[in-house]
N, C-alpha and C. Protein backbone atom coordinates (compact mmCIF):
# COMPACT_ATOMS: atom_id res chain seq x y z
N MET A 1 84.58 113.09 103.02
CA MET A 1 85.47 112.58 101.99
C MET A 1 85.41 111.06 101.98
N ALA A 2 85.71 110.52 100.84
CA ALA A 2 85.74 109.08 100.70
C ALA A 2 87.01 108.51 101.33
N ILE A 3 86.90 107.29 101.82
CA ILE A 3 88.05 106.56 102.36
C ILE A 3 88.08 105.20 101.67
N THR A 4 89.25 104.78 101.24
CA THR A 4 89.40 103.48 100.60
C THR A 4 90.57 102.72 101.20
N SER A 5 90.47 101.40 101.16
CA SER A 5 91.58 100.56 101.61
C SER A 5 92.45 100.14 100.43
N GLN A 6 92.14 100.63 99.23
CA GLN A 6 92.95 100.34 98.06
C GLN A 6 94.06 101.38 97.99
N VAL A 7 95.18 101.06 98.63
CA VAL A 7 96.30 101.99 98.73
C VAL A 7 97.22 101.80 97.53
N ARG A 8 97.42 102.88 96.79
CA ARG A 8 98.33 102.86 95.64
C ARG A 8 99.44 103.87 95.89
N GLN A 9 100.64 103.50 95.52
CA GLN A 9 101.78 104.41 95.66
C GLN A 9 102.27 104.77 94.27
N PRO A 10 102.63 105.98 94.01
CA PRO A 10 102.51 107.11 94.92
C PRO A 10 101.05 107.56 95.02
N LEU A 11 100.74 108.24 96.11
CA LEU A 11 99.39 108.76 96.29
C LEU A 11 99.13 109.83 95.24
N GLY A 12 97.87 109.92 94.82
CA GLY A 12 97.49 110.91 93.82
C GLY A 12 97.18 112.25 94.46
N PHE A 13 96.88 113.22 93.61
CA PHE A 13 96.53 114.56 94.08
C PHE A 13 95.32 114.48 95.02
N GLY A 14 95.43 115.13 96.15
CA GLY A 14 94.32 115.18 97.10
C GLY A 14 94.16 113.94 97.96
N GLU A 15 95.07 112.99 97.86
CA GLU A 15 94.99 111.78 98.68
C GLU A 15 95.93 111.90 99.88
N ALA A 16 95.55 111.25 100.97
CA ALA A 16 96.40 111.23 102.17
C ALA A 16 96.18 109.92 102.90
N MET A 17 97.26 109.34 103.39
CA MET A 17 97.17 108.11 104.18
C MET A 17 96.49 108.41 105.52
N VAL A 18 95.69 107.47 105.98
CA VAL A 18 95.12 107.54 107.33
C VAL A 18 96.15 106.84 108.22
N SER A 19 96.90 107.63 108.98
CA SER A 19 98.01 107.04 109.74
C SER A 19 97.54 106.21 110.93
N ASP A 20 96.47 106.62 111.57
CA ASP A 20 95.95 105.90 112.73
C ASP A 20 94.66 105.17 112.37
N TRP A 21 94.72 104.37 111.32
CA TRP A 21 93.51 103.73 110.80
C TRP A 21 92.88 102.76 111.79
N GLN A 22 93.68 102.08 112.58
CA GLN A 22 93.12 101.14 113.56
C GLN A 22 92.35 101.88 114.65
N ALA A 23 92.90 102.98 115.13
CA ALA A 23 92.23 103.77 116.17
C ALA A 23 90.94 104.39 115.63
N ALA A 24 90.88 104.62 114.31
CA ALA A 24 89.69 105.19 113.69
C ALA A 24 88.62 104.13 113.44
N GLY A 25 88.94 102.86 113.74
CA GLY A 25 87.97 101.79 113.57
C GLY A 25 87.93 101.20 112.18
N LEU A 26 88.96 101.48 111.38
CA LEU A 26 89.01 100.93 110.02
C LEU A 26 89.66 99.54 110.06
N VAL A 27 89.30 98.71 109.10
CA VAL A 27 89.76 97.32 109.06
C VAL A 27 91.18 97.20 108.51
N LYS A 28 91.54 98.07 107.55
CA LYS A 28 92.84 98.01 106.88
C LYS A 28 93.44 99.40 106.79
N ALA A 29 94.72 99.43 106.43
CA ALA A 29 95.35 100.72 106.11
C ALA A 29 94.52 101.37 105.02
N SER A 30 94.29 102.66 105.14
CA SER A 30 93.36 103.34 104.25
C SER A 30 93.88 104.69 103.79
N VAL A 31 93.24 105.20 102.74
CA VAL A 31 93.61 106.47 102.13
C VAL A 31 92.37 107.35 102.02
N LEU A 32 92.54 108.64 102.35
CA LEU A 32 91.49 109.63 102.09
C LEU A 32 91.53 109.96 100.61
N LYS A 33 90.38 109.96 99.97
CA LYS A 33 90.28 110.27 98.54
C LYS A 33 89.61 111.63 98.36
N PRO A 34 89.97 112.37 97.33
CA PRO A 34 89.39 113.69 97.11
C PRO A 34 88.00 113.62 96.47
N VAL A 35 87.11 112.92 97.13
CA VAL A 35 85.72 112.78 96.66
C VAL A 35 84.83 113.27 97.80
N PHE A 36 84.08 114.32 97.55
CA PHE A 36 83.25 114.92 98.58
C PHE A 36 81.78 114.59 98.35
N THR A 37 81.05 114.39 99.42
CA THR A 37 79.61 114.17 99.34
C THR A 37 78.98 114.54 100.67
N THR A 38 77.69 114.76 100.64
CA THR A 38 76.95 114.96 101.88
C THR A 38 75.90 113.86 101.98
N ILE A 39 75.59 113.48 103.20
CA ILE A 39 74.64 112.40 103.44
C ILE A 39 73.66 112.85 104.50
N GLU A 40 72.40 112.57 104.29
CA GLU A 40 71.40 112.88 105.31
C GLU A 40 71.70 112.06 106.55
N GLN A 41 71.58 112.68 107.72
CA GLN A 41 71.90 112.02 108.99
C GLN A 41 71.13 110.71 109.15
N GLN A 42 69.88 110.67 108.73
CA GLN A 42 69.07 109.46 108.92
C GLN A 42 69.57 108.28 108.08
N LEU A 43 70.43 108.53 107.10
CA LEU A 43 70.98 107.46 106.27
C LEU A 43 72.25 106.84 106.87
N VAL A 44 72.80 107.47 107.90
CA VAL A 44 74.01 106.94 108.55
C VAL A 44 73.60 105.76 109.43
N ILE A 45 74.15 104.60 109.13
CA ILE A 45 73.81 103.38 109.86
C ILE A 45 74.62 103.27 111.14
N ARG A 46 75.92 103.55 111.05
CA ARG A 46 76.76 103.51 112.23
C ARG A 46 77.99 104.38 112.00
N THR A 47 78.61 104.79 113.08
CA THR A 47 79.84 105.56 113.02
C THR A 47 81.00 104.58 113.17
N MET A 48 81.96 104.69 112.27
CA MET A 48 83.09 103.76 112.31
C MET A 48 84.16 104.20 113.28
N GLY A 49 84.24 105.45 113.61
CA GLY A 49 85.27 105.95 114.51
C GLY A 49 85.53 107.41 114.23
N ARG A 50 86.58 107.92 114.82
CA ARG A 50 86.95 109.32 114.65
C ARG A 50 88.43 109.38 114.29
N PRO A 51 88.78 110.36 113.45
CA PRO A 51 90.20 110.49 113.09
C PRO A 51 91.02 111.01 114.28
N SER A 52 92.27 110.59 114.33
CA SER A 52 93.18 111.12 115.34
C SER A 52 93.47 112.58 114.99
N SER A 53 94.12 113.28 115.89
CA SER A 53 94.42 114.69 115.61
C SER A 53 95.37 114.81 114.42
N ALA A 54 96.30 113.87 114.26
CA ALA A 54 97.21 113.90 113.11
C ALA A 54 96.44 113.67 111.81
N ASP A 55 95.51 112.71 111.82
CA ASP A 55 94.72 112.45 110.62
C ASP A 55 93.74 113.59 110.34
N ASP A 56 93.22 114.21 111.39
CA ASP A 56 92.34 115.37 111.21
C ASP A 56 93.11 116.51 110.54
N LYS A 57 94.34 116.71 110.95
CA LYS A 57 95.17 117.75 110.33
C LYS A 57 95.43 117.43 108.86
N ALA A 58 95.74 116.17 108.56
CA ALA A 58 95.97 115.75 107.18
C ALA A 58 94.71 115.95 106.35
N LEU A 59 93.55 115.62 106.92
CA LEU A 59 92.28 115.80 106.24
C LEU A 59 92.06 117.26 105.89
N ARG A 60 92.30 118.14 106.85
CA ARG A 60 92.12 119.58 106.61
C ARG A 60 93.07 120.10 105.54
N GLU A 61 94.31 119.61 105.53
CA GLU A 61 95.28 120.03 104.52
C GLU A 61 94.85 119.57 103.14
N VAL A 62 94.37 118.33 103.04
CA VAL A 62 93.91 117.79 101.75
C VAL A 62 92.71 118.59 101.24
N VAL A 63 91.76 118.89 102.11
CA VAL A 63 90.60 119.68 101.71
C VAL A 63 91.06 121.04 101.20
N GLY A 64 91.99 121.66 101.91
CA GLY A 64 92.52 122.95 101.47
C GLY A 64 93.19 122.87 100.12
N ASP A 65 93.94 121.80 99.87
CA ASP A 65 94.59 121.62 98.58
C ASP A 65 93.58 121.44 97.45
N VAL A 66 92.54 120.67 97.72
CA VAL A 66 91.58 120.31 96.68
C VAL A 66 90.63 121.48 96.35
N ILE A 67 90.10 122.14 97.38
CA ILE A 67 89.11 123.18 97.10
C ILE A 67 89.68 124.59 97.23
N GLY A 68 90.91 124.70 97.68
CA GLY A 68 91.58 126.00 97.73
C GLY A 68 91.29 126.74 98.92
């Protein structure tokens, strides 16, 4: 899913705040966006971090809401 630091309130359908954005290695408070894509592994330049368990749960809930 896409992640953006352009936080707008109220959040739109399928969006969720990244609550532990600093621990995930993000520079600013960020939002998960309901935009899905796949990327070939060889195109990944670096890993920015990993979501906390709370953010992982929010991610799974958003995916469930968006794709059913």
